Amino acid sequence: MTLSSRSGTGLGELQICPSAELRRAPRHLCTLPASEPRTAYYPVVTSLLPPANAPVTPVRLGPHERLARLVNPPRLNGLDIARGLAILGMVAAHLGDFPPFAWSDPFSYLNIVHGNSSILFAVLAGISIALLTGRERIPEPGDLPRLRLALVGRGAAIFAIGLALELLGVGIAVILTFYGLLYVAAIPALRLRPSRLILCATPLALVGPVLVTLLEAFSLGAYGAGSNLLMVGIYPLTTWAPLMLVGMALGRLPLTRPRIASLITAIGATLALTGALLGLALSTALGILLPEYQEYSSWSSTGYSSSWEFSSKGSAGYEEDVPMVPFDEIDGTGLLCYPATSYDPVVYCEPEEYSETWIDESSSSSSYWDDDGADWSTYPERLSDMAPVPVLIGSVVSTAPHSGSVLEIFTSGGLALFVIGASTLLSRALRWMLLPLSAIGAMPLTAYTLHALVILALAGPAGYLASNPACLLLILGLAIACTTWTAFLGRGPLERFTARSARWLSSRPAPPRRTDASTADADPHQGD
């Protein structure tokens, strides 16, 4: 760099000051001689800066450099590890063949992946939203329009990916459609500080599941596309919204500080252990005092051992010694038969008079208790059939996966905090050992979609598959594929798609503002 000053004066200190000669740069380096007043400015000519119109050559990184950037600061590698664990947990939940939980069988402990993996995903969604909108810095009001549009664009792209998987007939409960909606639901909370985010999440977690259960019971199980997506489906908003808010609060904290990560780990472990012990005690006590709740609790938790029953007992949980005959040897006259499926090869038949029409196909929203002649006089009886008391109790104390209960939110949410905190603490020392896990977590949308497509290819449309060898091979394949892609190509393909969608929508020009006196006086912040 060449510096010029007046003759006879020594070179003074360097300052940032306006340039009198260069118009392309608003500020430039210049010298201030020590003998001159501090108001004097002298332009400097530099030979190190390229011309303003010079083309920028992108820096090409090799595989090792790409992997080093993945596991080293400033990237939060601990979050990638936690995301990787969430993805692998979903793979195990969809493909794993685990026996029903029993304290005497350590292999059954793997059932922890059911429900907990998706809840970990919800908390990580909140952290991602916080990182995308300023990390520890609360967004300024002027930045909100751009950030809101970016979240809508990203959420719409994720929703589209999930919708495509559902239309392909993937035989799993696709999480991405609701995951995309979370990005839009988070918009009102972008300027809340961590303490206020927790303050909003706590009452929502305590009251939300109870209110939804009451509404579902008193409406006799009425359903529709909207309520099924947001309230009574497998991913209810009352469960995921408080977890997302907690994640946003975590994302506003300095997660790289070991003290913060240790505190998150300790709080998570306390919540998880307390919730598990409390759930066990309450379930035992209620099973003794309220037999009808015991019956409801047993029924609500049977769905997650079906894979083991299918593989160990034959089909659909029937014992192998149940007598069965080939379907073509049965006279089906007067019988209504249901064909076999990929997950249950048994053909079921019943007399035609047993068949009932449960749903009026001409109605977009109805109750599964609809019947000819049903009116207000039969409402109390039908409400009693909904078993509102045990269902309401279950909305508070149930520990079944995907129950959406208050206790599940705090227990599984605490486990999610523990995983995130522990992953952050271990990310520095074990960064290279956990590299494949970080690679999966760095492209979660791609990894999730790939695992769903593999299940579709193996099991067929709407098919079900429970195979531990297939589960292990898929986990190994994801680790190899994601690590290789990261090393040679960087960001995952679907992650690029969502980022471009966010950039495209947030960079669209704002609509022209009306400048007439009436609108300007009525709302001085219109268009902000």
Protein backbone atom coordinates (compact mmCIF):
# COMPACT_ATOMS: atom_id res chain seq x y z
CA MET A 1 0.00 0.00 0.00
CA THR A 2 1.42 3.45 -0.98
CA LEU A 3 0.78 6.34 1.38
CA SER A 4 1.40 10.03 0.57
CA SER A 5 1.86 12.97 2.96
CA ARG A 6 3.21 16.54 2.85
CA SER A 7 6.93 16.96 2.54
CA GLY A 8 8.75 17.61 5.76
CA THR A 9 6.15 15.93 7.91
CA GLY A 10 6.28 12.45 9.32
CA LEU A 11 3.70 9.82 8.53
CA GLY A 12 0.89 10.11 11.03
CA GLU A 13 -1.69 7.63 12.24
CA LEU A 14 -4.09 5.80 9.91
CA GLN A 15 -7.77 6.70 10.04
CA ILE A 16 -11.00 5.87 8.28
CA CYS A 17 -12.14 9.04 6.55
CA PRO A 18 -14.12 10.17 3.48
CA SER A 19 -12.25 9.97 0.21
CA ALA A 20 -12.02 13.06 -1.95
CA GLU A 21 -11.02 11.18 -5.07
CA LEU A 22 -12.60 7.72 -5.08
CA ARG A 23 -16.34 7.94 -5.66
CA ARG A 24 -17.07 4.22 -5.72
CA ALA A 25 -16.25 3.68 -2.05
CA PRO A 26 -18.01 5.81 0.56
CA ARG A 27 -15.08 5.64 2.99
CA HIS A 28 -11.36 4.98 2.48
CA LEU A 29 -8.09 4.77 4.33
CA CYS A 30 -6.16 8.01 4.58
CA THR A 31 -3.26 9.46 6.58
CA LEU A 32 -3.36 12.13 9.20
CA PRO A 33 0.08 13.77 9.75
CA ALA A 34 0.90 14.17 13.41
CA SER A 35 1.65 17.92 13.02
CA GLU A 36 -1.70 18.76 11.39
CA PRO A 37 -5.05 19.38 13.09
CA ARG A 38 -7.20 16.29 13.39
CA THR A 39 -9.75 17.79 11.02
CA ALA A 40 -7.36 17.53 8.06
CA TYR A 41 -7.99 14.61 5.68
CA TYR A 42 -5.60 13.22 3.09
CA PRO A 43 -6.62 10.69 0.47
CA VAL A 44 -4.54 7.56 0.11
CA VAL A 45 -3.88 5.60 -3.04
CA THR A 46 -3.71 1.85 -2.59
CA SER A 47 -2.47 -0.79 -4.98
CA LEU A 48 -3.85 -3.73 -2.98
CA LEU A 49 -7.53 -3.15 -3.65
CA PRO A 50 -8.77 -4.47 -7.01
CA PRO A 51 -10.69 -2.18 -9.31
CA ALA A 52 -14.35 -1.84 -8.46
CA ASN A 53 -15.46 -3.54 -11.69
CA ALA A 54 -12.98 -6.42 -11.47
CA PRO A 55 -14.58 -9.90 -11.65
CA VAL A 56 -14.64 -11.91 -8.41
CA THR A 57 -13.17 -15.39 -8.72
CA PRO A 58 -14.87 -17.90 -6.37
CA VAL A 59 -12.56 -19.83 -4.08
CA ARG A 60 -12.67 -23.56 -4.76
CA LEU A 61 -12.43 -25.76 -1.69
CA GLY A 62 -11.12 -29.29 -1.65
CA PRO A 63 -12.85 -32.18 0.15
CA HIS A 64 -10.75 -31.80 3.29
CA GLU A 65 -11.41 -28.05 3.49
CA ARG A 66 -15.16 -28.61 3.11
CA LEU A 67 -15.22 -31.19 5.88
CA ALA A 68 -13.05 -28.96 8.09
CA ARG A 69 -15.52 -26.11 7.65
CA LEU A 70 -18.33 -28.48 8.64
CA VAL A 71 -16.86 -29.49 12.01
CA ASN A 72 -14.99 -26.32 13.02
CA PRO A 73 -16.16 -22.88 14.17
CA PRO A 74 -17.91 -20.66 13.32
CA ARG A 75 -20.37 -23.44 12.40
CA LEU A 76 -22.31 -24.80 15.39
CA ASN A 77 -21.31 -28.41 14.90
CA GLY A 78 -23.17 -29.55 18.00
CA LEU A 79 -26.49 -28.67 16.36
CA ASP A 80 -25.55 -30.72 13.30
CA ILE A 81 -24.85 -33.69 15.58
CA ALA A 82 -28.23 -33.27 17.28
CA ARG A 83 -29.99 -33.04 13.91
CA GLY A 84 -28.18 -36.17 12.78
CA LEU A 85 -29.39 -38.02 15.87
CA ALA A 86 -32.96 -36.86 15.18
CA ILE A 87 -32.80 -38.15 11.59
CA LEU A 88 -31.35 -41.52 12.65
CA GLY A 89 -33.99 -41.76 15.36
CA MET A 90 -36.70 -41.36 12.74
CA VAL A 91 -35.07 -44.01 10.56
CA ALA A 92 -35.08 -46.41 13.51
CA ALA A 93 -38.68 -45.53 14.38
CA HIS A 94 -39.84 -46.24 10.81
CA LEU A 95 -37.73 -49.33 10.07
CA GLY A 96 -36.64 -50.72 13.43
CA ASP A 97 -38.08 -53.98 14.76
CA PHE A 98 -37.99 -53.59 18.54
CA PRO A 99 -39.85 -55.60 21.21
CA PRO A 100 -42.31 -53.89 23.59
CA PHE A 101 -40.57 -52.03 26.39
CA ALA A 102 -39.54 -54.14 29.37
CA TRP A 103 -37.06 -53.22 32.12
CA SER A 104 -35.50 -56.68 31.85
CA ASP A 105 -34.82 -56.37 28.10
CA PRO A 106 -32.17 -53.74 27.20
CA PHE A 107 -32.93 -54.22 23.50
CA SER A 108 -36.41 -52.82 24.12
CA TYR A 109 -34.86 -49.55 25.31
CA LEU A 110 -34.49 -48.62 21.64
CA ASN A 111 -38.19 -47.77 21.68
CA ILE A 112 -37.01 -44.39 22.96
CA VAL A 113 -36.82 -43.30 19.32
CA HIS A 114 -40.62 -43.31 19.04
CA GLY A 115 -41.97 -39.81 19.54
CA ASN A 116 -38.76 -38.41 20.99
CA SER A 117 -37.06 -38.08 17.61
CA SER A 118 -39.80 -35.86 16.19
CA ILE A 119 -39.89 -33.72 19.33
CA LEU A 120 -36.12 -33.23 19.10
CA PHE A 121 -36.74 -32.13 15.51
CA ALA A 122 -39.30 -29.57 16.74
CA VAL A 123 -36.87 -27.99 19.21
CA LEU A 124 -34.15 -27.90 16.55
CA ALA A 125 -36.63 -26.21 14.19
CA GLY A 126 -36.94 -23.37 16.70
CA ILE A 127 -33.17 -23.07 16.98
CA SER A 128 -32.84 -22.94 13.19
CA ILE A 129 -35.44 -20.17 13.00
CA ALA A 130 -33.52 -18.15 15.59
CA LEU A 131 -30.23 -18.65 13.73
CA LEU A 132 -31.82 -17.57 10.46
CA THR A 133 -33.20 -14.38 12.02
CA GLY A 134 -30.19 -12.96 13.83
CA ARG A 135 -28.93 -15.62 16.27
CA GLU A 136 -28.32 -13.79 19.58
CA ARG A 137 -29.40 -10.43 18.16
CA ILE A 138 -33.10 -9.56 18.21
CA PRO A 139 -34.10 -8.49 14.67
CA GLU A 140 -34.64 -4.80 14.10
CA PRO A 141 -38.14 -3.72 13.03
CA GLY A 142 -36.80 -2.67 9.64
CA ASP A 143 -35.52 -6.21 9.01
CA LEU A 144 -38.81 -7.91 9.81
CA PRO A 145 -40.44 -7.75 6.33
CA ARG A 146 -37.46 -9.44 4.71
CA LEU A 147 -37.15 -12.06 7.48
CA ARG A 148 -40.85 -12.84 7.42
CA LEU A 149 -40.81 -13.42 3.68
CA ALA A 150 -37.68 -15.56 3.99
CA LEU A 151 -39.38 -17.78 6.58
CA VAL A 152 -42.50 -18.07 4.44
CA GLY A 153 -40.39 -19.03 1.42
CA ARG A 154 -38.42 -21.62 3.35
CA GLY A 155 -41.53 -23.04 5.02
CA ALA A 156 -43.36 -23.27 1.69
CA ALA A 157 -40.47 -25.20 0.15
CA ILE A 158 -40.36 -27.65 3.08
CA PHE A 159 -44.15 -28.05 2.94
CA ALA A 160 -43.94 -28.80 -0.80
CA ILE A 161 -41.32 -31.50 -0.22
CA GLY A 162 -43.48 -33.13 2.45
CA LEU A 163 -46.58 -32.94 0.28
CA ALA A 164 -44.73 -34.62 -2.58
CA LEU A 165 -43.72 -37.49 -0.29
CA GLU A 166 -47.31 -37.92 0.89
CA LEU A 167 -48.60 -37.98 -2.70
CA LEU A 168 -46.04 -40.67 -3.55
CA GLY A 169 -47.68 -42.90 -0.95
CA VAL A 170 -44.77 -43.19 1.48
CA GLY A 171 -45.94 -45.45 4.29
CA ILE A 172 -44.79 -43.22 7.16
CA ALA A 173 -46.23 -40.22 8.97
CA VAL A 174 -44.43 -37.49 6.99
CA ILE A 175 -43.28 -34.74 9.31
CA LEU A 176 -42.26 -32.15 6.72
CA THR A 177 -45.68 -30.68 5.94
CA PHE A 178 -46.21 -29.62 9.54
CA TYR A 179 -42.52 -28.74 9.89
CA GLY A 180 -42.94 -26.23 7.07
CA LEU A 181 -45.93 -24.65 8.81
CA LEU A 182 -43.81 -24.07 11.93
CA TYR A 183 -41.68 -21.57 10.01
CA VAL A 184 -44.78 -19.49 9.36
CA ALA A 185 -46.14 -19.95 12.90
CA ALA A 186 -42.88 -18.56 14.31
CA ILE A 187 -43.24 -15.16 12.60
CA PRO A 188 -45.11 -13.40 15.46
CA ALA A 189 -42.38 -14.40 17.93
CA LEU A 190 -39.33 -13.15 16.03
CA ARG A 191 -38.72 -10.13 18.29
CA LEU A 192 -39.33 -11.88 21.61
CA ARG A 193 -36.41 -12.29 23.98
CA PRO A 194 -35.54 -15.75 25.40
CA SER A 195 -37.31 -15.12 28.70
CA ARG A 196 -40.53 -14.09 26.95
CA LEU A 197 -40.33 -17.05 24.59
CA ILE A 198 -40.20 -19.40 27.59
CA LEU A 199 -43.00 -17.42 29.22
CA CYS A 200 -45.19 -17.98 26.16
CA ALA A 201 -44.24 -21.65 25.77
CA THR A 202 -44.99 -22.71 29.36
CA PRO A 203 -48.75 -21.97 29.56
CA LEU A 204 -49.23 -23.22 26.00
CA ALA A 205 -47.65 -26.55 26.98
CA LEU A 206 -49.72 -26.78 30.18
CA VAL A 207 -53.13 -25.81 28.80
CA GLY A 208 -52.99 -26.53 25.05
CA PRO A 209 -53.27 -30.36 25.12
CA VAL A 210 -56.16 -30.23 27.59
CA LEU A 211 -58.13 -27.72 25.51
CA VAL A 212 -57.65 -29.68 22.31
CA THR A 213 -58.76 -32.90 24.03
CA LEU A 214 -61.88 -31.22 25.38
CA LEU A 215 -62.75 -29.82 21.95
CA GLU A 216 -62.26 -33.20 20.31
CA ALA A 217 -64.37 -35.00 22.93
CA PHE A 218 -67.28 -32.55 22.97
CA SER A 219 -67.33 -32.40 19.16
CA LEU A 220 -67.58 -36.22 19.15
CA GLY A 221 -64.34 -36.57 17.28
CA ALA A 222 -65.26 -34.18 14.51
CA TYR A 223 -62.46 -33.81 12.04
CA GLY A 224 -61.50 -32.02 8.87
CA ALA A 225 -58.41 -31.24 6.86
CA GLY A 226 -57.50 -28.19 8.93
CA SER A 227 -58.09 -29.63 12.39
CA ASN A 228 -56.37 -32.87 11.48
CA LEU A 229 -53.30 -31.00 10.28
CA LEU A 230 -53.02 -28.56 13.18
CA MET A 231 -54.73 -30.02 16.24
CA VAL A 232 -55.71 -33.69 16.31
CA GLY A 233 -53.15 -35.24 13.97
CA ILE A 234 -49.97 -37.04 14.93
CA TYR A 235 -48.11 -33.69 15.09
CA PRO A 236 -50.49 -31.32 16.95
CA LEU A 237 -49.69 -27.64 17.08
CA THR A 238 -50.31 -27.56 20.84
CA THR A 239 -47.36 -29.93 21.27
CA TRP A 240 -44.99 -28.52 18.68
CA ALA A 241 -45.55 -24.78 19.14
CA PRO A 242 -44.20 -24.63 22.73
CA LEU A 243 -41.25 -26.83 21.75
CA MET A 244 -40.50 -24.54 18.81
CA LEU A 245 -40.63 -21.50 21.11
CA VAL A 246 -38.19 -23.19 23.50
CA GLY A 247 -35.90 -23.87 20.56
CA MET A 248 -36.07 -20.22 19.51
CA ALA A 249 -35.10 -19.23 23.06
CA LEU A 250 -32.08 -21.55 22.86
CA GLY A 251 -31.10 -20.09 19.50
CA ARG A 252 -30.97 -16.60 21.04
CA LEU A 253 -28.40 -17.78 23.60
CA PRO A 254 -24.61 -18.01 23.09
CA LEU A 255 -24.61 -21.77 22.58
CA THR A 256 -20.86 -21.88 21.99
CA ARG A 257 -20.17 -21.08 25.64
CA PRO A 258 -19.56 -24.30 27.64
CA ARG A 259 -21.39 -22.86 30.64
CA ILE A 260 -24.56 -22.31 28.62
CA ALA A 261 -24.35 -25.77 27.05
CA SER A 262 -23.80 -27.36 30.47
CA LEU A 263 -26.80 -25.54 31.89
CA ILE A 264 -29.00 -26.71 28.99
CA THR A 265 -27.80 -30.29 29.53
CA ALA A 266 -28.53 -30.19 33.25
CA ILE A 267 -32.01 -28.67 32.82
CA GLY A 268 -32.86 -31.19 30.11
CA ALA A 269 -31.73 -34.17 32.18
CA THR A 270 -33.73 -32.93 35.18
CA LEU A 271 -36.91 -32.47 33.15
CA ALA A 272 -36.56 -35.83 31.39
CA LEU A 273 -35.91 -37.86 34.55
CA THR A 274 -38.55 -36.06 36.59
CA GLY A 275 -41.14 -36.44 33.85
CA ALA A 276 -40.39 -40.14 33.32
CA LEU A 277 -40.61 -40.96 37.04
CA LEU A 278 -43.73 -38.86 37.49
CA GLY A 279 -45.38 -40.50 34.50
CA LEU A 280 -44.59 -43.97 35.79
CA ALA A 281 -45.96 -43.15 39.25
CA LEU A 282 -49.14 -41.51 37.95
CA SER A 283 -49.85 -44.27 35.44
CA THR A 284 -49.49 -46.91 38.14
CA ALA A 285 -51.70 -45.03 40.60
CA LEU A 286 -54.38 -44.26 38.02
CA GLY A 287 -54.38 -47.85 36.80
CA ILE A 288 -55.31 -48.93 40.32
CA LEU A 289 -57.78 -46.16 41.13
CA LEU A 290 -59.37 -45.82 37.69
CA PRO A 291 -59.52 -49.10 35.72
CA GLU A 292 -61.06 -47.42 32.67
CA TYR A 293 -57.96 -45.23 32.37
CA GLN A 294 -55.78 -48.35 32.48
CA GLU A 295 -57.77 -49.76 29.57
CA TYR A 296 -57.42 -46.50 27.62
CA SER A 297 -53.69 -46.25 28.38
CA SER A 298 -53.03 -49.81 27.22
CA TRP A 299 -54.99 -49.23 24.01
CA SER A 300 -53.25 -45.93 23.20
CA SER A 301 -49.76 -47.41 23.48
CA THR A 302 -50.23 -50.59 21.44
CA GLY A 303 -49.47 -49.05 18.07
CA TYR A 304 -45.73 -48.81 18.63
CA SER A 305 -45.08 -52.51 19.19
CA SER A 306 -46.92 -53.65 16.09
CA SER A 307 -43.71 -54.12 14.12
CA TRP A 308 -42.40 -56.60 16.66
CA GLU A 309 -45.72 -58.44 16.86
CA PHE A 310 -45.86 -58.66 13.08
CA SER A 311 -42.40 -60.14 12.75
CA SER A 312 -42.54 -62.48 15.77
CA LYS A 313 -46.14 -63.72 15.61
CA GLY A 314 -46.86 -63.80 11.92
CA SER A 315 -49.32 -61.22 10.69
CA ALA A 316 -50.95 -58.36 12.52
CA GLY A 317 -50.07 -59.78 15.91
CA TYR A 318 -52.03 -63.07 15.65
CA GLU A 319 -50.44 -66.09 17.25
CA GLU A 320 -48.98 -68.57 14.82
CA ASP A 321 -51.24 -71.40 16.07
CA VAL A 322 -54.45 -69.57 15.09
CA PRO A 323 -56.06 -71.77 12.40
CA MET A 324 -56.13 -70.12 8.98
CA VAL A 325 -57.08 -71.38 5.53
CA PRO A 326 -56.30 -70.06 2.05
CA PHE A 327 -58.79 -67.45 0.89
CA ASP A 328 -59.64 -69.30 -2.33
CA GLU A 329 -61.01 -72.22 -0.26
CA ILE A 330 -63.68 -70.02 1.36
CA ASP A 331 -67.15 -69.38 -0.07
CA GLY A 332 -67.36 -65.60 0.03
CA THR A 333 -71.06 -65.41 -0.79
CA GLY A 334 -72.69 -62.78 1.41
CA LEU A 335 -69.37 -61.73 2.94
CA LEU A 336 -67.65 -58.38 2.74
CA CYS A 337 -63.90 -59.05 2.50
CA TYR A 338 -60.99 -56.69 2.91
CA PRO A 339 -57.97 -57.48 0.72
CA ALA A 340 -54.51 -58.19 2.05
CA THR A 341 -51.92 -55.44 2.23
CA SER A 342 -48.13 -55.33 2.23
CA TYR A 343 -48.09 -54.98 6.02
CA ASP A 344 -50.87 -57.50 6.76
CA PRO A 345 -51.25 -60.44 4.35
CA VAL A 346 -54.44 -61.71 6.05
CA VAL A 347 -57.79 -61.29 4.26
CA TYR A 348 -60.57 -60.27 6.64
CA CYS A 349 -64.21 -61.12 5.93
CA GLU A 350 -67.48 -60.33 7.69
CA PRO A 351 -71.19 -60.54 6.93
CA GLU A 352 -72.44 -57.62 4.90
CA GLU A 353 -74.93 -56.61 7.58
CA TYR A 354 -72.01 -55.94 9.94
CA SER A 355 -70.69 -53.28 7.65
CA GLU A 356 -71.52 -49.72 8.65
CA THR A 357 -70.94 -46.44 6.92
CA TRP A 358 -68.90 -44.32 9.34
CA ILE A 359 -68.21 -41.27 7.23
CA ASP A 360 -70.46 -39.40 4.86
CA GLU A 361 -68.29 -39.09 1.77
CA SER A 362 -70.22 -36.09 0.55
CA SER A 363 -69.18 -34.05 3.62
CA SER A 364 -65.74 -32.50 3.98
CA SER A 365 -66.06 -32.33 7.77
CA SER A 366 -67.96 -34.82 9.90
CA SER A 367 -67.84 -37.00 12.99
CA TYR A 368 -66.94 -40.64 12.92
CA TRP A 369 -69.95 -41.18 15.22
CA ASP A 370 -72.40 -40.01 12.51
CA ASP A 371 -75.39 -42.30 12.15
CA ASP A 372 -78.84 -42.17 10.67
CA GLY A 373 -81.22 -40.60 13.15
CA ALA A 374 -78.50 -39.13 15.38
CA ASP A 375 -79.59 -35.89 16.99
CA TRP A 376 -79.25 -33.93 20.24
CA SER A 377 -81.23 -36.55 22.13
CA THR A 378 -78.50 -39.10 21.56
CA TYR A 379 -75.65 -36.65 22.19
CA PRO A 380 -75.05 -37.63 25.87
CA GLU A 381 -74.77 -41.30 24.94
CA ARG A 382 -72.37 -40.61 22.10
CA LEU A 383 -70.32 -38.30 24.31
CA SER A 384 -70.06 -41.08 26.87
CA ASP A 385 -68.79 -43.40 24.13
CA MET A 386 -65.89 -40.96 23.63
CA ALA A 387 -64.67 -41.85 27.17
CA PRO A 388 -63.96 -38.19 27.96
CA VAL A 389 -62.68 -38.73 31.50
CA PRO A 390 -59.80 -41.15 30.75
CA VAL A 391 -58.99 -39.29 27.54
CA LEU A 392 -58.79 -35.99 29.41
CA ILE A 393 -56.56 -37.54 32.08
CA GLY A 394 -54.39 -38.99 29.32
CA SER A 395 -53.94 -35.54 27.80
CA VAL A 396 -52.09 -34.59 30.98
CA VAL A 397 -50.24 -37.70 32.21
CA SER A 398 -49.90 -40.02 29.19
CA THR A 399 -46.37 -41.08 28.35
CA ALA A 400 -47.28 -42.84 25.10
CA PRO A 401 -45.33 -41.64 22.03
CA HIS A 402 -47.15 -39.00 19.99
CA SER A 403 -49.81 -38.65 22.68
CA GLY A 404 -49.22 -34.88 22.72
CA SER A 405 -49.82 -34.82 26.48
CA VAL A 406 -48.50 -32.24 28.91
CA LEU A 407 -46.18 -34.79 30.46
CA GLU A 408 -44.83 -35.85 27.05
CA ILE A 409 -44.01 -32.23 26.19
CA PHE A 410 -41.96 -31.74 29.34
CA THR A 411 -40.37 -35.21 29.40
CA SER A 412 -39.48 -35.51 25.72
CA GLY A 413 -38.70 -31.79 25.55
CA GLY A 414 -36.26 -32.24 28.42
CA LEU A 415 -34.66 -35.16 26.61
CA ALA A 416 -34.29 -32.95 23.52
CA LEU A 417 -32.57 -30.26 25.61
CA PHE A 418 -30.22 -32.88 27.04
CA VAL A 419 -29.29 -34.17 23.57
CA ILE A 420 -28.68 -30.64 22.25
CA GLY A 421 -26.59 -29.59 25.25
CA ALA A 422 -24.55 -32.79 25.33
CA SER A 423 -23.95 -32.67 21.57
CA THR A 424 -22.70 -29.09 21.89
CA LEU A 425 -20.32 -30.04 24.71
CA LEU A 426 -18.93 -33.03 22.83
CA SER A 427 -18.76 -31.38 19.41
CA ARG A 428 -15.30 -29.86 19.87
CA ALA A 429 -13.47 -32.90 21.24
CA LEU A 430 -15.21 -35.52 19.07
CA ARG A 431 -15.75 -33.44 15.94
CA TRP A 432 -13.87 -35.76 13.58
CA MET A 433 -15.16 -38.95 15.18
CA LEU A 434 -18.74 -37.74 14.78
CA LEU A 435 -18.19 -36.38 11.28
CA PRO A 436 -20.70 -38.71 9.55
CA LEU A 437 -23.36 -37.70 12.08
CA SER A 438 -22.57 -34.03 11.45
CA ALA A 439 -22.84 -34.57 7.70
CA ILE A 440 -26.31 -36.09 8.08
CA GLY A 441 -27.34 -33.22 10.35
CA ALA A 442 -26.00 -30.64 7.91
CA MET A 443 -28.50 -31.81 5.27
CA PRO A 444 -31.50 -33.01 7.31
CA LEU A 445 -34.12 -32.41 4.62
CA THR A 446 -32.14 -34.37 2.07
CA ALA A 447 -31.44 -37.22 4.51
CA TYR A 448 -35.05 -37.41 5.67
CA THR A 449 -36.39 -37.42 2.11
CA LEU A 450 -33.87 -40.03 1.02
CA HIS A 451 -34.81 -42.36 3.87
CA ALA A 452 -38.52 -41.97 3.02
CA LEU A 453 -37.85 -42.79 -0.64
CA VAL A 454 -35.86 -45.88 0.34
CA ILE A 455 -38.77 -47.10 2.47
CA LEU A 456 -41.10 -46.46 -0.47
CA ALA A 457 -38.83 -48.47 -2.79
CA LEU A 458 -38.56 -51.39 -0.35
CA ALA A 459 -42.14 -51.58 0.95
CA GLY A 460 -44.13 -50.13 -1.95
CA PRO A 461 -46.83 -47.44 -1.83
CA ALA A 462 -48.42 -47.24 1.65
CA GLY A 463 -46.31 -50.26 2.55
CA TYR A 464 -44.87 -51.08 5.96
CA LEU A 465 -41.49 -52.61 6.64
CA ALA A 466 -39.88 -53.59 9.94
CA SER A 467 -36.36 -54.91 9.51
CA ASN A 468 -33.34 -54.26 11.68
CA PRO A 469 -30.85 -55.23 8.93
CA ALA A 470 -32.54 -52.81 6.52
CA CYS A 471 -32.49 -50.13 9.23
CA LEU A 472 -28.76 -50.56 9.85
CA LEU A 473 -27.95 -50.59 6.13
CA LEU A 474 -29.96 -47.42 5.58
CA ILE A 475 -28.19 -45.65 8.45
CA LEU A 476 -24.82 -46.68 7.03
CA GLY A 477 -25.85 -45.59 3.55
CA LEU A 478 -27.00 -42.18 4.78
CA ALA A 479 -23.71 -41.65 6.63
CA ILE A 480 -21.64 -42.48 3.55
CA ALA A 481 -23.82 -40.56 1.09
CA CYS A 482 -24.09 -37.39 3.20
CA THR A 483 -20.38 -37.33 4.07
CA THR A 484 -19.38 -37.83 0.43
CA TRP A 485 -21.79 -35.16 -0.80
CA THR A 486 -20.55 -32.68 1.81
CA ALA A 487 -16.91 -33.34 0.94
CA PHE A 488 -17.31 -32.78 -2.80
CA LEU A 489 -20.43 -30.65 -3.26
CA GLY A 490 -21.05 -28.90 0.03
CA ARG A 491 -24.65 -28.04 0.92
CA GLY A 492 -27.32 -30.69 0.33
CA PRO A 493 -29.58 -30.40 -2.74
CA LEU A 494 -32.84 -29.85 -0.84
CA GLU A 495 -31.13 -27.40 1.51
CA ARG A 496 -30.11 -25.40 -1.56
CA PHE A 497 -33.69 -25.53 -2.80
CA THR A 498 -35.13 -24.16 0.45
CA ALA A 499 -32.43 -21.47 0.69
CA ARG A 500 -33.13 -20.30 -2.86
CA SER A 501 -36.85 -20.26 -2.14
CA ALA A 502 -36.24 -18.08 0.91
CA ARG A 503 -33.93 -15.73 -1.01
CA TRP A 504 -36.29 -15.49 -3.97
CA LEU A 505 -39.29 -14.53 -1.89
CA SER A 506 -37.46 -12.17 0.46
CA SER A 507 -35.78 -10.34 -2.43
CA ARG A 508 -39.04 -9.59 -4.23
CA PRO A 509 -39.63 -5.82 -4.45
CA ALA A 510 -42.14 -4.50 -1.96
CA PRO A 511 -45.44 -3.20 -3.35
CA PRO A 512 -45.45 0.56 -3.99
CA ARG A 513 -46.49 2.63 -1.02
CA ARG A 514 -49.37 5.04 -1.27
CA THR A 515 -48.21 8.55 -0.51
CA ASP A 516 -51.49 10.43 -0.42
CA ALA A 517 -52.11 12.48 2.67
CA SER A 518 -54.99 10.37 4.00
CA THR A 519 -53.06 7.09 4.24
CA ALA A 520 -49.84 8.74 5.38
CA ASP A 521 -51.58 10.43 8.30
CA ALA A 522 -53.58 7.35 9.24
CA ASP A 523 -50.63 4.96 9.44
CA PRO A 524 -47.12 6.45 9.35
CA HIS A 525 -45.57 2.95 9.36
CA GLN A 526 -47.53 1.52 6.47
CA GLY A 527 -45.42 -0.84 4.40
CA ASP A 528 -42.75 -1.37 7.06
